[in-house]
C-alpha atoms as a PDB file:
ATOM      1  CA  UNK A   1    -240.480 123.082 114.092  1.00  0.00           C
ATOM      2  CA  UNK A   2    -243.704 124.253 116.145  1.00  0.00           C
ATOM      3  CA  UNK A   3    -244.004 127.875 116.815  1.00  0.00           C
ATOM      4  CA  UNK A   4    -245.148 129.457 119.709  1.00  0.00           C
ATOM      5  CA  UNK A   5    -247.042 132.218 118.615  1.00  0.00           C
ATOM      6  CA  UNK A   6    -247.743 133.603 122.425  1.00  0.00           C
ATOM      7  CA  UNK A   7    -243.921 133.531 122.807  1.00  0.00           C
ATOM      8  CA  UNK A   8    -243.518 135.511 119.562  1.00  0.00           C
ATOM      9  CA  UNK A   9    -246.008 138.069 120.730  1.00  0.00           C
ATOM     10  CA  UNK A  10    -244.421 138.138 124.392  1.00  0.00           C
ATOM     11  CA  UNK A  11    -240.792 138.821 122.359  1.00  0.00           C
ATOM     12  CA  UNK A  12    -242.528 141.547 120.264  1.00  0.00           C
ATOM     13  CA  UNK A  13    -243.802 143.344 122.743  1.00  0.00           C
ATOM     14  CA  UNK A  14    -240.385 143.068 125.249  1.00  0.00           C
ATOM     15  CA  UNK A  15    -238.344 144.382 122.131  1.00  0.00           C
ATOM     16  CA  UNK A  16    -240.837 147.062 121.802  1.00  0.00           C
ATOM     17  CA  UNK A  17    -240.458 148.276 125.602  1.00  0.00           C
ATOM     18  CA  UNK A  18    -236.660 148.019 125.069  1.00  0.00           C
ATOM     19  CA  UNK A  19    -236.589 150.040 122.113  1.00  0.00           C
ATOM     20  CA  UNK A  20    -238.997 152.906 123.622  1.00  0.00           C
ATOM     21  CA  UNK A  21    -236.625 152.986 126.766  1.00  0.00           C
ATOM     22  CA  UNK A  22    -233.958 153.990 124.570  1.00  0.00           C
ATOM     23  CA  UNK A  23    -235.651 156.913 123.070  1.00  0.00           C
ATOM     24  CA  UNK A  24    -237.352 157.469 126.678  1.00  0.00           C
ATOM     25  CA  UNK A  25    -233.833 158.165 128.127  1.00  0.00           C
ATOM     26  CA  UNK A  26    -232.808 160.628 125.410  1.00  0.00           C
ATOM     27  CA  UNK A  27    -235.911 162.651 125.789  1.00  0.00           C
ATOM     28  CA  UNK A  28    -236.433 162.650 129.500  1.00  0.00           C
ATOM     29  CA  UNK A  29    -232.733 162.363 130.928  1.00  0.00           C
ATOM     30  CA  UNK A  30    -231.814 165.972 129.962  1.00  0.00           C
ATOM     31  CA  UNK A  31    -235.327 167.124 131.324  1.00  0.00           C
ATOM     32  CA  UNK A  32    -234.653 165.456 134.447  1.00  0.00           C
ATOM     33  CA  UNK A  33    -230.743 166.651 134.766  1.00  0.00           C
ATOM     34  CA  UNK A  34    -232.046 170.223 134.672  1.00  0.00           C
ATOM     35  CA  UNK A  35    -234.953 169.613 137.282  1.00  0.00           C
ATOM     36  CA  UNK A  36    -232.625 167.681 139.339  1.00  0.00           C
ATOM     37  CA  UNK A  37    -229.708 170.438 139.374  1.00  0.00           C
ATOM     38  CA  UNK A  38    -231.834 173.367 139.663  1.00  0.00           C
ATOM     39  CA  UNK A  39    -233.750 171.423 142.851  1.00  0.00           C
ATOM     40  CA  UNK A  40    -230.558 170.823 144.026  1.00  0.00           C
ATOM     41  CA  UNK A  41    -228.977 174.125 144.005  1.00  0.00           C
ATOM     42  CA  UNK A  42    -231.806 176.172 144.796  1.00  0.00           C
ATOM     43  CA  UNK A  43    -233.628 174.124 147.213  1.00  0.00           C
ATOM     44  CA  UNK A  44    -231.088 171.888 148.726  1.00  0.00           C
ATOM     45  CA  UNK A  45    -233.277 170.043 151.254  1.00  0.00           C
ATOM     46  CA  UNK A  46    -233.233 166.419 151.816  1.00  0.00           C
ATOM     47  CA  UNK A  47    -235.822 165.443 149.329  1.00  0.00           C
ATOM     48  CA  UNK A  48    -233.859 167.350 146.421  1.00  0.00           C
ATOM     49  CA  UNK A  49    -230.640 165.594 147.459  1.00  0.00           C
ATOM     50  CA  UNK A  50    -232.553 162.193 147.213  1.00  0.00           C
ATOM     51  CA  UNK A  51    -234.106 163.167 143.690  1.00  0.00           C
ATOM     52  CA  UNK A  52    -230.761 164.378 142.366  1.00  0.00           C
ATOM     53  CA  UNK A  53    -228.847 161.130 143.775  1.00  0.00           C
ATOM     54  CA  UNK A  54    -229.175 159.275 140.522  1.00  0.00           C
ATOM     55  CA  UNK A  55    -227.341 162.005 138.983  1.00  0.00           C
ATOM     56  CA  UNK A  56    -224.788 162.651 141.413  1.00  0.00           C
ATOM     57  CA  UNK A  57    -224.011 158.616 141.485  1.00  0.00           C
ATOM     58  CA  UNK A  58    -223.858 158.996 138.212  1.00  0.00           C
ATOM     59  CA  UNK A  59    -221.484 161.569 137.597  1.00  0.00           C
ATOM     60  CA  UNK A  60    -219.111 159.985 140.176  1.00  0.00           C
ATOM     61  CA  UNK A  61    -219.017 156.418 138.164  1.00  0.00           C
ATOM     62  CA  UNK A  62    -218.083 155.279 134.648  1.00  0.00           C
ATOM     63  CA  UNK A  63    -219.939 153.501 132.102  1.00  0.00           C
ATOM     64  CA  UNK A  64    -219.160 150.019 131.138  1.00  0.00           C
ATOM     65  CA  UNK A  65    -219.903 147.555 128.547  1.00  0.00           C
ATOM     66  CA  UNK A  66    -222.019 144.628 129.264  1.00  0.00           C
ATOM     67  CA  UNK A  67    -222.487 141.555 127.669  1.00  0.00           C
ATOM     68  CA  UNK A  68    -225.418 140.810 129.735  1.00  0.00           C
ATOM     69  CA  UNK A  69    -226.867 143.984 129.387  1.00  0.00           C
ATOM     70  CA  UNK A  70    -226.797 143.616 125.718  1.00  0.00           C
ATOM     71  CA  UNK A  71    -227.840 140.095 125.495  1.00  0.00           C
ATOM     72  CA  UNK A  72    -231.243 141.361 127.367  1.00  0.00           C
ATOM     73  CA  UNK A  73    -231.764 143.314 124.342  1.00  0.00           C
ATOM     74  CA  UNK A  74    -232.293 140.492 122.104  1.00  0.00           C
ATOM     75  CA  UNK A  75    -236.191 141.030 121.931  1.00  0.00           C
ATOM     76  CA  UNK A  76    -235.687 144.095 119.768  1.00  0.00           C
ATOM     77  CA  UNK A  77    -234.558 141.767 116.767  1.00  0.00           C
ATOM     78  CA  UNK A  78    -237.843 140.082 116.830  1.00  0.00           C
ATOM     79  CA  UNK A  79    -239.450 143.412 117.305  1.00  0.00           C
ATOM     80  CA  UNK A  80    -237.795 145.013 114.007  1.00  0.00           C
ATOM     81  CA  UNK A  81    -237.051 141.671 111.955  1.00  0.00           C
ATOM     82  CA  UNK A  82    -233.600 142.337 111.922  1.00  0.00           C
ATOM     83  CA  UNK A  83    -231.179 140.856 109.532  1.00  0.00           C
ATOM     84  CA  UNK A  84    -227.266 141.275 108.555  1.00  0.00           C
ATOM     85  CA  UNK A  85    -225.282 140.843 105.483  1.00  0.00           C
ATOM     86  CA  UNK A  86    -221.869 140.229 105.294  1.00  0.00           C
ATOM     87  CA  UNK A  87    -220.357 141.172 102.230  1.00  0.00           C
ATOM     88  CA  UNK A  88    -217.011 139.469 102.805  1.00  0.00           C
ATOM     89  CA  UNK A  89    -216.892 136.553 105.576  1.00  0.00           C
ATOM     90  CA  UNK A  90    -213.405 137.058 106.545  1.00  0.00           C
ATOM     91  CA  UNK A  91    -214.594 140.356 108.744  1.00  0.00           C
ATOM     92  CA  UNK A  92    -217.921 138.893 109.787  1.00  0.00           C
ATOM     93  CA  UNK A  93    -216.927 139.012 113.493  1.00  0.00           C
ATOM     94  CA  UNK A  94    -216.079 142.719 112.868  1.00  0.00           C
ATOM     95  CA  UNK A  95    -212.510 142.082 114.126  1.00  0.00           C
ATOM     96  CA  UNK A  96    -210.575 139.821 112.043  1.00  0.00           C
ATOM     97  CA  UNK A  97    -207.503 139.182 114.650  1.00  0.00           C
ATOM     98  CA  UNK A  98    -210.464 137.343 116.301  1.00  0.00           C
ATOM     99  CA  UNK A  99    -211.092 135.026 113.584  1.00  0.00           C
ATOM    100  CA  UNK A 100    -208.588 131.932 113.594  1.00  0.00           C
ATOM    101  CA  UNK A 101    -209.703 131.440 110.287  1.00  0.00           C
ATOM    102  CA  UNK A 102    -208.472 134.662 108.907  1.00  0.00           C
ATOM    103  CA  UNK A 103    -204.141 134.052 109.160  1.00  0.00           C
ATOM    104  CA  UNK A 104    -203.678 136.708 106.547  1.00  0.00           C
ATOM    105  CA  UNK A 105    -205.630 139.516 108.237  1.00  0.00           C
ATOM    106  CA  UNK A 106    -205.082 138.770 111.732  1.00  0.00           C
ATOM    107  CA  UNK A 107    -203.128 141.903 112.404  1.00  0.00           C
ATOM    108  CA  UNK A 108    -205.601 144.272 110.032  1.00  0.00           C
ATOM    109  CA  UNK A 109    -207.552 146.997 111.737  1.00  0.00           C
ATOM    110  CA  UNK A 110    -210.397 148.953 110.324  1.00  0.00           C
ATOM    111  CA  UNK A 111    -212.730 151.519 110.611  1.00  0.00           C
ATOM    112  CA  UNK A 112    -216.324 150.160 110.537  1.00  0.00           C
ATOM    113  CA  UNK A 113    -217.564 153.446 108.458  1.00  0.00           C
ATOM    114  CA  UNK A 114    -221.546 153.366 109.479  1.00  0.00           C
ATOM    115  CA  UNK A 115    -224.225 155.453 107.927  1.00  0.00           C
ATOM    116  CA  UNK A 116    -227.004 156.749 108.377  1.00  0.00           C
ATOM    117  CA  UNK A 117    -226.597 158.086 112.043  1.00  0.00           C
ATOM    118  CA  UNK A 118    -230.756 158.483 112.655  1.00  0.00           C
ATOM    119  CA  UNK A 119    -232.056 159.689 115.613  1.00  0.00           C
ATOM    120  CA  UNK A 120    -230.833 156.447 117.246  1.00  0.00           C
ATOM    121  CA  UNK A 121    -229.050 153.752 115.720  1.00  0.00           C
ATOM    122  CA  UNK A 122    -231.481 150.932 116.344  1.00  0.00           C
ATOM    123  CA  UNK A 123    -229.512 148.938 113.575  1.00  0.00           C
ATOM    124  CA  UNK A 124    -226.287 149.364 115.255  1.00  0.00           C
ATOM    125  CA  UNK A 125    -228.070 148.416 118.706  1.00  0.00           C
ATOM    126  CA  UNK A 126    -229.660 145.173 117.102  1.00  0.00           C
ATOM    127  CA  UNK A 127    -226.243 144.253 115.900  1.00  0.00           C
ATOM    128  CA  UNK A 128    -224.639 144.657 119.395  1.00  0.00           C
ATOM    129  CA  UNK A 129    -227.352 142.709 121.094  1.00  0.00           C
ATOM    130  CA  UNK A 130    -226.518 139.599 118.334  1.00  0.00           C
ATOM    131  CA  UNK A 131    -222.775 139.935 118.788  1.00  0.00           C
ATOM    132  CA  UNK A 132    -222.096 141.027 122.159  1.00  0.00           C
ATOM    133  CA  UNK A 133    -218.698 139.589 122.238  1.00  0.00           C
ATOM    134  CA  UNK A 134    -217.571 141.432 118.992  1.00  0.00           C
ATOM    135  CA  UNK A 135    -219.365 144.723 120.494  1.00  0.00           C
ATOM    136  CA  UNK A 136    -217.105 144.325 123.697  1.00  0.00           C
ATOM    137  CA  UNK A 137    -213.833 144.019 121.228  1.00  0.00           C
ATOM    138  CA  UNK A 138    -214.575 146.705 118.723  1.00  0.00           C
ATOM    139  CA  UNK A 139    -216.068 149.877 120.574  1.00  0.00           C
ATOM    140  CA  UNK A 140    -218.379 152.922 118.945  1.00  0.00           C
ATOM    141  CA  UNK A 141    -217.058 156.178 118.491  1.00  0.00           C
ATOM    142  CA  UNK A 142    -219.444 158.674 120.244  1.00  0.00           C
ATOM    143  CA  UNK A 143    -219.302 162.422 120.833  1.00  0.00           C
ATOM    144  CA  UNK A 144    -217.680 163.495 124.026  1.00  0.00           C
ATOM    145  CA  UNK A 145    -220.804 164.787 125.522  1.00  0.00           C
ATOM    146  CA  UNK A 146    -222.868 161.519 125.440  1.00  0.00           C
ATOM    147  CA  UNK A 147    -219.765 159.999 127.221  1.00  0.00           C
ATOM    148  CA  UNK A 148    -220.047 162.899 129.983  1.00  0.00           C
ATOM    149  CA  UNK A 149    -223.948 163.116 130.213  1.00  0.00           C
ATOM    150  CA  UNK A 150    -224.814 161.715 133.739  1.00  0.00           C
ATOM    151  CA  UNK A 151    -227.199 158.698 133.328  1.00  0.00           C
ATOM    152  CA  UNK A 152    -227.308 158.816 129.201  1.00  0.00           C
ATOM    153  CA  UNK A 153    -223.634 157.813 129.530  1.00  0.00           C
ATOM    154  CA  UNK A 154    -224.496 154.451 131.689  1.00  0.00           C
ATOM    155  CA  UNK A 155    -227.629 153.694 129.394  1.00  0.00           C
ATOM    156  CA  UNK A 156    -225.566 153.817 125.994  1.00  0.00           C
ATOM    157  CA  UNK A 157    -222.405 152.847 127.585  1.00  0.00           C
ATOM    158  CA  UNK A 158    -223.598 149.269 127.454  1.00  0.00           C
ATOM    159  CA  UNK A 159    -222.567 149.385 124.038  1.00  0.00           C
ATOM    160  CA  UNK A 160    -218.861 150.037 124.263  1.00  0.00           C
ATOM    161  CA  UNK A 161    -218.402 153.725 123.478  1.00  0.00           C
ATOM    162  CA  UNK A 162    -215.086 155.550 123.165  1.00  0.00           C
ATOM    163  CA  UNK A 163    -214.367 159.157 122.691  1.00  0.00           C
ATOM    164  CA  UNK A 164    -215.078 160.248 118.858  1.00  0.00           C
ATOM    165  CA  UNK A 165    -211.920 162.627 119.112  1.00  0.00           C
ATOM    166  CA  UNK A 166    -209.084 162.354 116.748  1.00  0.00           C
ATOM    167  CA  UNK A 167    -206.433 161.899 119.763  1.00  0.00           C
ATOM    168  CA  UNK A 168    -208.826 159.299 121.246  1.00  0.00           C
ATOM    169  CA  UNK A 169    -209.030 157.184 118.194  1.00  0.00           C
ATOM    170  CA  UNK A 170    -205.257 157.497 117.430  1.00  0.00           C
ATOM    171  CA  UNK A 171    -204.626 156.125 120.666  1.00  0.00           C
ATOM    172  CA  UNK A 172    -207.315 153.272 120.035  1.00  0.00           C
ATOM    173  CA  UNK A 173    -205.588 152.558 116.868  1.00  0.00           C
ATOM    174  CA  UNK A 174    -202.027 152.233 118.416  1.00  0.00           C
ATOM    175  CA  UNK A 175    -203.355 149.546 120.667  1.00  0.00           C
ATOM    176  CA  UNK A 176    -204.231 147.449 117.770  1.00  0.00           C
ATOM    177  CA  UNK A 177    -208.110 148.104 118.153  1.00  0.00           C
ATOM    178  CA  UNK A 178    -210.614 148.472 115.392  1.00  0.00           C
ATOM    179  CA  UNK A 179    -213.336 150.951 115.735  1.00  0.00           C
ATOM    180  CA  UNK A 180    -217.303 151.727 114.688  1.00  0.00           C
ATOM    181  CA  UNK A 181    -217.366 155.475 113.809  1.00  0.00           C
ATOM    182  CA  UNK A 182    -221.153 157.012 112.503  1.00  0.00           C
ATOM    183  CA  UNK A 183    -219.447 159.252 109.592  1.00  0.00           C
ATOM    184  CA  UNK A 184    -222.462 161.828 109.231  1.00  0.00           C
ATOM    185  CA  UNK A 185    -222.638 162.262 113.177  1.00  0.00           C
ATOM    186  CA  UNK A 186    -225.278 164.854 114.556  1.00  0.00           C
ATOM    187  CA  UNK A 187    -225.711 166.819 111.473  1.00  0.00           C
ATOM    188  CA  UNK A 188    -227.027 163.754 109.533  1.00  0.00           C
ATOM    189  CA  UNK A 189    -229.427 163.530 112.043  1.00  0.00           C
ATOM    190  CA  UNK A 190    -231.432 165.996 111.085  1.00  0.00           C
ATOM    191  CA  UNK A 191    -231.436 164.823 107.422  1.00  0.00           C
ATOM    192  CA  UNK A 192    -233.765 161.803 108.669  1.00  0.00           C
ATOM    193  CA  UNK A 193    -236.434 161.175 106.459  1.00  0.00           C
ATOM    194  CA  UNK A 194    -238.974 158.368 105.550  1.00  0.00           C
ATOM    195  CA  UNK A 195    -239.212 159.700 101.721  1.00  0.00           C
ATOM    196  CA  UNK A 196    -235.527 160.029 100.758  1.00  0.00           C
ATOM    197  CA  UNK A 197    -232.612 159.256 102.069  1.00  0.00           C
ATOM    198  CA  UNK A 198    -229.569 161.641 102.715  1.00  0.00           C
ATOM    199  CA  UNK A 199    -226.155 161.413 104.175  1.00  0.00           C
ATOM    200  CA  UNK A 200    -223.911 163.999 105.281  1.00  0.00           C
ATOM    201  CA  UNK A 201    -220.797 162.936 103.827  1.00  0.00           C
ATOM    202  CA  UNK A 202    -219.371 165.323 101.017  1.00  0.00           C
ATOM    203  CA  UNK A 203    -217.451 167.091 103.688  1.00  0.00           C
ATOM    204  CA  UNK A 204    -216.817 164.548 106.135  1.00  0.00           C
ATOM    205  CA  UNK A 205    -213.018 163.450 105.286  1.00  0.00           C
ATOM    206  CA  UNK A 206    -211.529 163.269 108.551  1.00  0.00           C
ATOM    207  CA  UNK A 207    -212.095 159.392 108.806  1.00  0.00           C
ATOM    208  CA  UNK A 208    -210.350 158.894 105.375  1.00  0.00           C
ATOM    209  CA  UNK A 209    -207.263 161.098 106.758  1.00  0.00           C
ATOM    210  CA  UNK A 210    -207.100 159.371 109.681  1.00  0.00           C
ATOM    211  CA  UNK A 211    -207.306 155.915 107.934  1.00  0.00           C
ATOM    212  CA  UNK A 212    -204.555 156.727 105.904  1.00  0.00           C
ATOM    213  CA  UNK A 213    -202.431 157.970 108.436  1.00  0.00           C
ATOM    214  CA  UNK A 214    -202.718 155.338 110.832  1.00  0.00           C
ATOM    215  CA  UNK A 215    -202.758 152.330 108.226  1.00  0.00           C
ATOM    216  CA  UNK A 216    -206.012 151.286 109.211  1.00  0.00           C
ATOM    217  CA  UNK A 217    -208.433 149.879 106.677  1.00  0.00           C
ATOM    218  CA  UNK A 218    -212.028 151.147 106.236  1.00  0.00           C
ATOM    219  CA  UNK A 219    -214.871 148.654 105.946  1.00  0.00           C
ATOM    220  CA  UNK A 220    -218.441 150.868 104.634  1.00  0.00           C
ATOM    221  CA  UNK A 221    -221.237 149.653 106.746  1.00  0.00           C
ATOM    222  CA  UNK A 222    -225.092 150.383 105.802  1.00  0.00           C
ATOM    223  CA  UNK A 223    -227.609 150.563 108.478  1.00  0.00           C
ATOM    224  CA  UNK A 224    -230.797 150.417 106.483  1.00  0.00           C
ATOM    225  CA  UNK A 225    -233.934 151.348 108.530  1.00  0.00           C
ATOM    226  CA  UNK A 226    -232.232 153.899 110.883  1.00  0.00           C
ATOM    227  CA  UNK A 227    -233.542 156.819 109.268  1.00  0.00           C
ATOM    228  CA  UNK A 228    -236.950 155.600 108.804  1.00  0.00           C
ATOM    229  CA  UNK A 229    -238.190 154.143 112.538  1.00  0.00           C
ATOM    230  CA  UNK A 230    -238.237 157.384 114.015  1.00  0.00           C
ATOM    231  CA  UNK A 231    -238.905 160.943 112.671  1.00  0.00           C
ATOM    232  CA  UNK A 232    -237.556 164.209 114.065  1.00  0.00           C
ATOM    233  CA  UNK A 233    -238.048 167.613 114.013  1.00  0.00           C
ATOM    234  CA  UNK A 234    -236.092 169.342 111.778  1.00  0.00           C
ATOM    235  CA  UNK A 235    -236.450 173.211 112.517  1.00  0.00           C
ATOM    236  CA  UNK A 236    -236.232 175.381 115.569  1.00  0.00           C
ATOM    237  CA  UNK A 237    -233.818 176.318 118.595  1.00  0.00           C
ATOM    238  CA  UNK A 238    -233.248 172.790 119.853  1.00  0.00           C
ATOM    239  CA  UNK A 239    -231.820 171.535 116.163  1.00  0.00           C
ATOM    240  CA  UNK A 240    -229.675 174.798 116.846  1.00  0.00           C
ATOM    241  CA  UNK A 241    -228.482 173.561 120.196  1.00  0.00           C
ATOM    242  CA  UNK A 242    -227.969 169.920 119.199  1.00  0.00           C
ATOM    243  CA  UNK A 243    -225.757 170.906 116.438  1.00  0.00           C
ATOM    244  CA  UNK A 244    -223.303 173.064 118.856  1.00  0.00           C
ATOM    245  CA  UNK A 245    -223.196 170.279 121.523  1.00  0.00           C
ATOM    246  CA  UNK A 246    -222.990 167.564 119.306  1.00  0.00           C
ATOM    247  CA  UNK A 247    -225.910 165.568 120.985  1.00  0.00           C
ATOM    248  CA  UNK A 248    -229.365 164.771 120.241  1.00  0.00           C
ATOM    249  CA  UNK A 249    -231.616 167.301 122.097  1.00  0.00           C
ATOM    250  CA  UNK A 250    -234.301 167.525 119.787  1.00  0.00           C
ATOM    251  CA  UNK A 251    -238.147 165.924 119.537  1.00  0.00           C
ATOM    252  CA  UNK A 252    -238.872 162.980 117.933  1.00  0.00           C
ATOM    253  CA  UNK A 253    -241.555 160.269 117.339  1.00  0.00           C
ATOM    254  CA  UNK A 254    -242.386 156.717 115.745  1.00  0.00           C
ATOM    255  CA  UNK A 255    -245.655 154.684 116.433  1.00  0.00           C
ATOM    256  CA  UNK A 256    -248.835 156.658 117.052  1.00  0.00           C
ATOM    257  CA  UNK A 257    -246.437 160.024 116.964  1.00  0.00           C
ATOM    258  CA  UNK A 258    -245.240 158.521 120.487  1.00  0.00           C
ATOM    259  CA  UNK A 259    -241.438 157.909 121.101  1.00  0.00           C
ATOM    260  CA  UNK A 260    -242.057 154.078 120.146  1.00  0.00           C
ATOM    261  CA  UNK A 261    -239.824 153.385 117.149  1.00  0.00           C
ATOM    262  CA  UNK A 262    -241.646 151.771 114.408  1.00  0.00           C
ATOM    263  CA  UNK A 263    -241.390 148.010 113.702  1.00  0.00           C
ATOM    264  CA  UNK A 264    -240.011 148.242 110.497  1.00  0.00           C
ATOM    265  CA  UNK A 265    -237.487 145.797 109.205  1.00  0.00           C
ATOM    266  CA  UNK A 266    -233.903 146.497 109.817  1.00  0.00           C
ATOM    267  CA  UNK A 267    -230.973 145.888 107.971  1.00  0.00           C
ATOM    268  CA  UNK A 268    -227.314 145.784 108.929  1.00  0.00           C
ATOM    269  CA  UNK A 269    -224.994 145.625 105.452  1.00  0.00           C
ATOM    270  CA  UNK A 270    -221.463 145.328 106.160  1.00  0.00           C
ATOM    271  CA  UNK A 271    -219.388 145.663 102.852  1.00  0.00           C
ATOM    272  CA  UNK A 272    -215.845 144.910 101.856  1.00  0.00           C
ATOM    273  CA  UNK A 273    -212.571 146.308 103.063  1.00  0.00           C
ATOM    274  CA  UNK A 274    -211.358 148.964 100.561  1.00  0.00           C
ATOM    275  CA  UNK A 275    -207.818 148.328 100.872  1.00  0.00           C
ATOM    276  CA  UNK A 276    -206.409 151.605 101.873  1.00  0.00           C
ATOM    277  CA  UNK A 277    -202.616 152.277 101.899  1.00  0.00           C
ATOM    278  CA  UNK A 278    -200.506 153.104 104.766  1.00  0.00           C
ATOM    279  CA  UNK A 279    -199.702 157.139 103.994  1.00  0.00           C
ATOM    280  CA  UNK A 280    -197.846 159.300 106.626  1.00  0.00           C
ATOM    281  CA  UNK A 281    -198.467 162.332 105.067  1.00  0.00           C
ATOM    282  CA  UNK A 282    -201.547 162.378 102.716  1.00  0.00           C
ATOM    283  CA  UNK A 283    -201.885 164.760 100.309  1.00  0.00           C
ATOM    284  CA  UNK A 284    -205.510 166.351  99.719  1.00  0.00           C
ATOM    285  CA  UNK A 285    -205.547 164.371  96.207  1.00  0.00           C
ATOM    286  CA  UNK A 286    -204.791 161.259  98.279  1.00  0.00           C
ATOM    287  CA  UNK A 287    -207.697 162.103 100.691  1.00  0.00           C
ATOM    288  CA  UNK A 288    -210.065 163.293  97.948  1.00  0.00           C
ATOM    289  CA  UNK A 289    -209.393 160.324  95.909  1.00  0.00           C
ATOM    290  CA  UNK A 290    -209.928 157.505  98.368  1.00  0.00           C
ATOM    291  CA  UNK A 291    -213.241 159.484  99.824  1.00  0.00           C
ATOM    292  CA  UNK A 292    -214.716 159.552  96.172  1.00  0.00           C
ATOM    293  CA  UNK A 293    -214.443 155.602  96.441  1.00  0.00           C
ATOM    294  CA  UNK A 294    -215.743 155.245  99.460  1.00  0.00           C
ATOM    295  CA  UNK A 295    -218.812 157.467  98.548  1.00  0.00           C
ATOM    296  CA  UNK A 296    -218.986 155.119  95.136  1.00  0.00           C
ATOM    297  CA  UNK A 297    -218.867 152.233  97.420  1.00  0.00           C
ATOM    298  CA  UNK A 298    -221.655 153.375  99.852  1.00  0.00           C
ATOM    299  CA  UNK A 299    -224.182 154.125  97.010  1.00  0.00           C
ATOM    300  CA  UNK A 300    -223.449 150.806  95.379  1.00  0.00           C
ATOM    301  CA  UNK A 301    -224.398 148.880  98.939  1.00  0.00           C
ATOM    302  CA  UNK A 302    -227.333 151.082  98.971  1.00  0.00           C
ATOM    303  CA  UNK A 303    -228.563 150.368  95.547  1.00  0.00           C
ATOM    304  CA  UNK A 304    -227.391 146.484  95.910  1.00  0.00           C
ATOM    305  CA  UNK A 305    -229.918 146.135  98.718  1.00  0.00           C
ATOM    306  CA  UNK A 306    -232.668 148.684  99.324  1.00  0.00           C
ATOM    307  CA  UNK A 307    -235.146 146.274  97.467  1.00  0.00           C
ATOM    308  CA  UNK A 308    -234.885 144.032 100.711  1.00  0.00           C
ATOM    309  CA  UNK A 309    -236.931 146.536 102.433  1.00  0.00           C
ATOM    310  CA  UNK A 310    -240.446 147.779 101.508  1.00  0.00           C
ATOM    311  CA  UNK A 311    -239.393 151.610 103.063  1.00  0.00           C
ATOM    312  CA  UNK A 312    -236.568 151.730 100.725  1.00  0.00           C
ATOM    313  CA  UNK A 313    -237.881 150.398  97.394  1.00  0.00           C
ATOM    314  CA  UNK A 314    -238.515 153.550  95.873  1.00  0.00           C
ATOM    315  CA  UNK A 315    -236.202 155.751  98.454  1.00  0.00           C
ATOM    316  CA  UNK A 316    -233.410 157.426  96.457  1.00  0.00           C
ATOM    317  CA  UNK A 317    -230.340 158.292  98.143  1.00  0.00           C
ATOM    318  CA  UNK A 318    -228.637 161.583  97.965  1.00  0.00           C
ATOM    319  CA  UNK A 319    -224.998 162.046  99.177  1.00  0.00           C
ATOM    320  CA  UNK A 320    -224.658 165.824 100.562  1.00  0.00           C
END
């Protein structure tokens, strides 16, 4: 097969533009919201109203997952040299209930427990772009503030987000669904580093308790590259504010010290279901036992596949 180098370059450039657009949204939307709100409240003329109109329209409408928008993000797969590995083919589509070849698991529900968080989960975005039908079926849990922030909720809403609160997740499970959860959350964002891999996991046990009580199995998912394509400011008042509101309000950068993600290889690895039992009232020992098993599985995945990425060959994993 003859490869059109011009087409390849065009896809690479388009992928860079799309990835950078998501970065700019996270950096510029908060600034726009502050300026638009101040202008609308303090000046109150027609120009300030028109300036604030996108914000007002976004406030009055709900975000929607979009199959078409996800497909339009596919050039990012070229830009990042994206690859994925499924250690268990029976959950290749993220939702066993959608796979006719898996009759034994047709009603099984999963928490796809993903790490690391990174500044922006470009590994998760690439997976969504490659498998939009699965993303529409299996939502990703996000902090409430992301779902309530005008404009940002619509930009990220194409990835089918739901509230990460326990109440929301329990309601989702009662409806028979599976979900993707980023275990480390915003706290893990500030552990992002190009020299070492640090997960915020030791004190994150709520997802284990939730899985046990709801009768939902857990599948560990490792997102190689999330912590290397962007660097983040880890000190200062913005860091404290980000932790408080559970949203990324800090400064980050990539290529050329600009908000352009580095075009490094990304690898999405989906582990095997852990086989958690259904325990209505799990003890702390039950939770600790399965949490330790989870940490062991995460480390196994990391050590098994880190050699596939140049940035990770000598990057040691720490579970904090």
